[in-house]
Amino acid sequence: MPSTSAKGDADFGFGSDFVSSPELVYKPLVYDPIGLLCRADHPLARRRSALTWKDLEGLPFVAFGPNTTVRRLIGTVEGLPKNVSEPAYEVADVITMEALLEADLGVTAGFKLGAYRGRDRKLMFRPLVEPALGRTISLITHAERALSPAASALVDKTIMHLRRRTDGFRIDQSSTRPAG
């Protein structure tokens, strides 16, 4: 079944191009890396060197369900520690995830733009490398339809706001990696 945007039910959307559709145009806006999210007092949060996926080995890992973008993207990588591919906890919502992390019952991997800090900023985000993973958030429009003036103005304002809020994530339009 085609997506709502592909059928023409929506003028535009913002989302990942993880699964794309040929009748839609994806204009990259922001690169959003995946990193470790854990308590601020966790030993990995305080480490100065870059964190790798191997550093998560043996730690209780908390994950969102298998149909989420972050989980599907992590699932594309071979050789990750077993505890990452077979998490100790699987949650369906941010509140439960946050509670488990704040209680120091585990760590997780998530997108930086979606990283929540927890109550009283108890949680910290640290980028993960080897491999570095992320998503590109794009403006999605229908290939054969122009935006109305009102939709175009809303898109422009939204993009301006996104770029102000995510300066470190700006995309070089010639690639899908962060600029700079």
C-alpha atoms as a PDB file:
ATOM      1  CA  MET A   1       0.000   0.000   0.000  1.00  0.00           C
ATOM      2  CA  PRO A   2       1.477   3.402  -0.939  1.00  0.00           C
ATOM      3  CA  SER A   3       2.251   5.905   1.793  1.00  0.00           C
ATOM      4  CA  THR A   4      -0.110   8.791   2.493  1.00  0.00           C
ATOM      5  CA  SER A   5       2.287  11.265   0.828  1.00  0.00           C
ATOM      6  CA  ALA A   6       2.721   9.065  -2.247  1.00  0.00           C
ATOM      7  CA  LYS A   7      -1.070   8.924  -2.686  1.00  0.00           C
ATOM      8  CA  GLY A   8      -1.210  12.731  -2.495  1.00  0.00           C
ATOM      9  CA  ASP A   9      -3.012  12.982   0.856  1.00  0.00           C
ATOM     10  CA  ALA A  10      -0.273  15.265   2.258  1.00  0.00           C
ATOM     11  CA  ASP A  11       1.502  18.225   0.675  1.00  0.00           C
ATOM     12  CA  PHE A  12       4.817  17.543   2.408  1.00  0.00           C
ATOM     13  CA  GLY A  13       6.436  15.814   5.335  1.00  0.00           C
ATOM     14  CA  PHE A  14       9.686  15.555   7.230  1.00  0.00           C
ATOM     15  CA  GLY A  15      11.245  12.181   7.732  1.00  0.00           C
ATOM     16  CA  SER A  16      14.031   9.760   7.070  1.00  0.00           C
ATOM     17  CA  ASP A  17      14.847   8.336   3.686  1.00  0.00           C
ATOM     18  CA  PHE A  18      15.577   4.925   5.252  1.00  0.00           C
ATOM     19  CA  VAL A  19      12.771   3.540   3.107  1.00  0.00           C
ATOM     20  CA  SER A  20      12.100   5.690   0.054  1.00  0.00           C
ATOM     21  CA  SER A  21       9.464   5.846  -2.639  1.00  0.00           C
ATOM     22  CA  PRO A  22      10.164   6.781  -6.297  1.00  0.00           C
ATOM     23  CA  GLU A  23       7.211   9.171  -6.550  1.00  0.00           C
ATOM     24  CA  LEU A  24       8.525  11.251  -3.666  1.00  0.00           C
ATOM     25  CA  VAL A  25      11.404  13.753  -3.591  1.00  0.00           C
ATOM     26  CA  TYR A  26      13.711  13.700  -0.542  1.00  0.00           C
ATOM     27  CA  LYS A  27      15.646  16.929   0.094  1.00  0.00           C
ATOM     28  CA  PRO A  28      18.289  16.281   2.797  1.00  0.00           C
ATOM     29  CA  LEU A  29      18.167  18.783   5.654  1.00  0.00           C
ATOM     30  CA  VAL A  30      19.886  17.351   8.719  1.00  0.00           C
ATOM     31  CA  TYR A  31      22.197  14.448   9.501  1.00  0.00           C
ATOM     32  CA  ASP A  32      21.332  12.905  12.862  1.00  0.00           C
ATOM     33  CA  PRO A  33      23.986  10.560  14.321  1.00  0.00           C
ATOM     34  CA  ILE A  34      23.339   7.605  16.598  1.00  0.00           C
ATOM     35  CA  GLY A  35      25.119   7.588  19.924  1.00  0.00           C
ATOM     36  CA  LEU A  36      25.140   6.161  23.412  1.00  0.00           C
ATOM     37  CA  LEU A  37      22.588   7.488  25.872  1.00  0.00           C
ATOM     38  CA  CYS A  38      23.294   6.720  29.516  1.00  0.00           C
ATOM     39  CA  ARG A  39      23.375   8.301  32.952  1.00  0.00           C
ATOM     40  CA  ALA A  40      25.751  11.253  33.201  1.00  0.00           C
ATOM     41  CA  ASP A  41      27.677   9.457  35.970  1.00  0.00           C
ATOM     42  CA  HIS A  42      28.161   6.268  33.923  1.00  0.00           C
ATOM     43  CA  PRO A  43      31.855   5.427  33.259  1.00  0.00           C
ATOM     44  CA  LEU A  44      31.291   5.596  29.469  1.00  0.00           C
ATOM     45  CA  ALA A  45      29.753   9.067  29.762  1.00  0.00           C
ATOM     46  CA  ARG A  46      32.930  10.354  31.418  1.00  0.00           C
ATOM     47  CA  ARG A  47      35.385   8.685  29.047  1.00  0.00           C
ATOM     48  CA  ARG A  48      37.421  11.125  26.945  1.00  0.00           C
ATOM     49  CA  SER A  49      38.137   8.891  23.940  1.00  0.00           C
ATOM     50  CA  ALA A  50      35.627   8.067  21.193  1.00  0.00           C
ATOM     51  CA  LEU A  51      33.150   5.329  22.051  1.00  0.00           C
ATOM     52  CA  THR A  52      32.799   2.279  19.850  1.00  0.00           C
ATOM     53  CA  TRP A  53      30.038  -0.308  19.728  1.00  0.00           C
ATOM     54  CA  LYS A  54      32.479  -2.792  21.264  1.00  0.00           C
ATOM     55  CA  ASP A  55      32.591  -0.575  24.386  1.00  0.00           C
ATOM     56  CA  LEU A  56      28.951  -1.557  24.997  1.00  0.00           C
ATOM     57  CA  GLU A  57      29.787  -5.257  25.242  1.00  0.00           C
ATOM     58  CA  GLY A  58      28.445  -6.861  28.401  1.00  0.00           C
ATOM     59  CA  LEU A  59      26.339  -3.870  29.463  1.00  0.00           C
ATOM     60  CA  PRO A  60      22.585  -4.268  29.916  1.00  0.00           C
ATOM     61  CA  PHE A  61      21.216  -2.773  26.704  1.00  0.00           C
ATOM     62  CA  VAL A  62      17.785  -1.162  26.368  1.00  0.00           C
ATOM     63  CA  ALA A  63      16.191  -0.925  22.909  1.00  0.00           C
ATOM     64  CA  PHE A  64      13.024   0.270  21.258  1.00  0.00           C
ATOM     65  CA  GLY A  65      11.030  -2.305  19.297  1.00  0.00           C
ATOM     66  CA  PRO A  66      12.302  -3.968  16.117  1.00  0.00           C
ATOM     67  CA  ASN A  67      10.247  -1.787  13.747  1.00  0.00           C
ATOM     68  CA  THR A  68      11.805   1.507  14.845  1.00  0.00           C
ATOM     69  CA  THR A  69      14.291   3.280  12.568  1.00  0.00           C
ATOM     70  CA  VAL A  70      17.101   3.162  15.124  1.00  0.00           C
ATOM     71  CA  ARG A  71      16.690  -0.561  15.705  1.00  0.00           C
ATOM     72  CA  ARG A  72      16.449  -1.354  11.979  1.00  0.00           C
ATOM     73  CA  LEU A  73      19.541   0.739  11.256  1.00  0.00           C
ATOM     74  CA  ILE A  74      21.547  -0.936  14.040  1.00  0.00           C
ATOM     75  CA  GLY A  75      20.346  -4.282  12.686  1.00  0.00           C
ATOM     76  CA  THR A  76      22.153  -3.624   9.392  1.00  0.00           C
ATOM     77  CA  VAL A  77      25.558  -3.824  11.097  1.00  0.00           C
ATOM     78  CA  GLU A  78      27.275  -7.185  11.452  1.00  0.00           C
ATOM     79  CA  GLY A  79      29.494  -8.040  14.393  1.00  0.00           C
ATOM     80  CA  LEU A  80      27.884  -5.858  17.046  1.00  0.00           C
ATOM     81  CA  PRO A  81      28.071  -7.147  20.616  1.00  0.00           C
ATOM     82  CA  LYS A  82      25.413  -9.764  21.348  1.00  0.00           C
ATOM     83  CA  ASN A  83      23.847  -7.631  24.084  1.00  0.00           C
ATOM     84  CA  VAL A  84      23.136  -4.891  21.489  1.00  0.00           C
ATOM     85  CA  SER A  85      21.483  -7.235  18.990  1.00  0.00           C
ATOM     86  CA  GLU A  86      19.689  -9.125  21.793  1.00  0.00           C
ATOM     87  CA  PRO A  87      18.832  -6.391  24.333  1.00  0.00           C
ATOM     88  CA  ALA A  88      18.135  -7.022  27.998  1.00  0.00           C
ATOM     89  CA  TYR A  89      15.085  -4.745  27.793  1.00  0.00           C
ATOM     90  CA  GLU A  90      12.799  -3.780  24.944  1.00  0.00           C
ATOM     91  CA  VAL A  91      10.520  -0.783  25.438  1.00  0.00           C
ATOM     92  CA  ALA A  92       7.696   0.831  23.511  1.00  0.00           C
ATOM     93  CA  ASP A  93       7.905   4.415  24.768  1.00  0.00           C
ATOM     94  CA  VAL A  94      10.328   7.148  25.805  1.00  0.00           C
ATOM     95  CA  ILE A  95       9.043   7.328  29.396  1.00  0.00           C
ATOM     96  CA  THR A  96       9.941   3.690  30.073  1.00  0.00           C
ATOM     97  CA  MET A  97      13.300   4.078  28.311  1.00  0.00           C
ATOM     98  CA  GLU A  98      14.116   7.147  30.371  1.00  0.00           C
ATOM     99  CA  ALA A  99      13.125   5.432  33.624  1.00  0.00           C
ATOM    100  CA  LEU A 100      15.360   2.417  32.926  1.00  0.00           C
ATOM    101  CA  LEU A 101      18.320   4.627  32.001  1.00  0.00           C
ATOM    102  CA  GLU A 102      17.869   6.943  34.986  1.00  0.00           C
ATOM    103  CA  ALA A 103      17.673   3.927  37.313  1.00  0.00           C
ATOM    104  CA  ASP A 104      21.025   2.818  35.816  1.00  0.00           C
ATOM    105  CA  LEU A 105      19.507  -0.460  34.639  1.00  0.00           C
ATOM    106  CA  GLY A 106      21.088  -0.145  31.220  1.00  0.00           C
ATOM    107  CA  VAL A 107      22.333   2.007  28.353  1.00  0.00           C
ATOM    108  CA  THR A 108      20.898   2.573  24.899  1.00  0.00           C
ATOM    109  CA  ALA A 109      21.697   3.846  21.427  1.00  0.00           C
ATOM    110  CA  GLY A 110      19.576   6.598  19.975  1.00  0.00           C
ATOM    111  CA  PHE A 111      19.521   9.531  17.596  1.00  0.00           C
ATOM    112  CA  LYS A 112      21.051  12.758  18.860  1.00  0.00           C
ATOM    113  CA  LEU A 113      18.068  14.884  17.827  1.00  0.00           C
ATOM    114  CA  GLY A 114      15.780  12.549  19.740  1.00  0.00           C
ATOM    115  CA  ALA A 115      18.043  12.286  22.777  1.00  0.00           C
ATOM    116  CA  TYR A 116      16.148  13.169  25.888  1.00  0.00           C
ATOM    117  CA  ARG A 117      18.084  14.387  28.880  1.00  0.00           C
ATOM    118  CA  GLY A 118      15.843  12.936  31.524  1.00  0.00           C
ATOM    119  CA  ARG A 119      14.559  14.695  34.566  1.00  0.00           C
ATOM    120  CA  ASP A 120      17.201  17.033  36.011  1.00  0.00           C
ATOM    121  CA  ARG A 121      19.516  16.328  33.039  1.00  0.00           C
ATOM    122  CA  LYS A 122      20.639  12.984  34.438  1.00  0.00           C
ATOM    123  CA  LEU A 123      21.275  11.503  30.987  1.00  0.00           C
ATOM    124  CA  MET A 124      24.094  12.137  28.505  1.00  0.00           C
ATOM    125  CA  PHE A 125      24.540  11.523  24.763  1.00  0.00           C
ATOM    126  CA  ARG A 126      27.936  10.392  23.391  1.00  0.00           C
ATOM    127  CA  PRO A 127      28.536   9.602  19.679  1.00  0.00           C
ATOM    128  CA  LEU A 128      29.313   5.987  18.750  1.00  0.00           C
ATOM    129  CA  VAL A 129      31.824   5.102  16.027  1.00  0.00           C
ATOM    130  CA  GLU A 130      33.141   1.993  14.282  1.00  0.00           C
ATOM    131  CA  PRO A 131      30.767   2.147  12.565  1.00  0.00           C
ATOM    132  CA  ALA A 132      29.252   5.610  12.842  1.00  0.00           C
ATOM    133  CA  LEU A 133      25.531   5.342  12.126  1.00  0.00           C
ATOM    134  CA  GLY A 134      22.898   7.979  11.541  1.00  0.00           C
ATOM    135  CA  ARG A 135      19.922   9.050   9.537  1.00  0.00           C
ATOM    136  CA  THR A 136      19.281  11.896   7.172  1.00  0.00           C
ATOM    137  CA  ILE A 137      16.143  13.870   7.911  1.00  0.00           C
ATOM    138  CA  SER A 138      14.662  15.162   4.694  1.00  0.00           C
ATOM    139  CA  LEU A 139      11.880  17.360   3.419  1.00  0.00           C
ATOM    140  CA  ILE A 140       9.599  14.971   1.530  1.00  0.00           C
ATOM    141  CA  THR A 141       7.398  16.235  -1.292  1.00  0.00           C
ATOM    142  CA  HIS A 142       5.526  14.648  -4.174  1.00  0.00           C
ATOM    143  CA  ALA A 143       7.593  14.608  -7.382  1.00  0.00           C
ATOM    144  CA  GLU A 144       4.742  15.828  -9.588  1.00  0.00           C
ATOM    145  CA  ARG A 145       3.156  18.505  -7.396  1.00  0.00           C
ATOM    146  CA  ALA A 146       4.291  21.979  -6.389  1.00  0.00           C
ATOM    147  CA  LEU A 147       3.666  23.210  -2.871  1.00  0.00           C
ATOM    148  CA  SER A 148       0.960  25.811  -2.341  1.00  0.00           C
ATOM    149  CA  PRO A 149       2.190  29.244  -1.211  1.00  0.00           C
ATOM    150  CA  ALA A 150       0.971  28.541   2.337  1.00  0.00           C
ATOM    151  CA  ALA A 151       2.665  25.115   2.476  1.00  0.00           C
ATOM    152  CA  SER A 152       5.845  26.595   1.000  1.00  0.00           C
ATOM    153  CA  ALA A 153       5.908  29.358   3.651  1.00  0.00           C
ATOM    154  CA  LEU A 154       5.374  26.804   6.425  1.00  0.00           C
ATOM    155  CA  VAL A 155       8.189  24.612   5.052  1.00  0.00           C
ATOM    156  CA  ASP A 156      10.556  27.612   4.844  1.00  0.00           C
ATOM    157  CA  LYS A 157       9.811  28.662   8.453  1.00  0.00           C
ATOM    158  CA  THR A 158      10.180  25.087   9.707  1.00  0.00           C
ATOM    159  CA  ILE A 159      13.526  24.663   7.949  1.00  0.00           C
ATOM    160  CA  MET A 160      14.779  27.990   9.356  1.00  0.00           C
ATOM    161  CA  HIS A 161      13.809  26.857  12.860  1.00  0.00           C
ATOM    162  CA  LEU A 162      15.386  23.423  12.368  1.00  0.00           C
ATOM    163  CA  ARG A 163      18.654  24.929  11.151  1.00  0.00           C
ATOM    164  CA  ARG A 164      18.805  27.372  14.089  1.00  0.00           C
ATOM    165  CA  ARG A 165      18.194  24.558  16.563  1.00  0.00           C
ATOM    166  CA  THR A 166      20.558  22.066  14.914  1.00  0.00           C
ATOM    167  CA  ASP A 167      23.494  24.169  13.713  1.00  0.00           C
ATOM    168  CA  GLY A 168      26.007  21.375  14.378  1.00  0.00           C
ATOM    169  CA  PHE A 169      23.986  18.986  12.220  1.00  0.00           C
ATOM    170  CA  ARG A 170      23.734  20.961   8.983  1.00  0.00           C
ATOM    171  CA  ILE A 171      24.122  18.930   5.834  1.00  0.00           C
ATOM    172  CA  ASP A 172      26.413  19.725   2.960  1.00  0.00           C
ATOM    173  CA  GLN A 173      23.814  19.495   0.163  1.00  0.00           C
ATOM    174  CA  SER A 174      26.244  17.489  -1.997  1.00  0.00           C
ATOM    175  CA  SER A 175      26.363  14.616   0.490  1.00  0.00           C
ATOM    176  CA  THR A 176      24.454  12.922   3.277  1.00  0.00           C
ATOM    177  CA  ARG A 177      27.141  13.577   5.871  1.00  0.00           C
ATOM    178  CA  PRO A 178      27.315  16.563   8.211  1.00  0.00           C
ATOM    179  CA  ALA A 179      29.076  19.621   6.833  1.00  0.00           C
ATOM    180  CA  GLY A 180      32.347  20.704   8.382  1.00  0.00           C
END
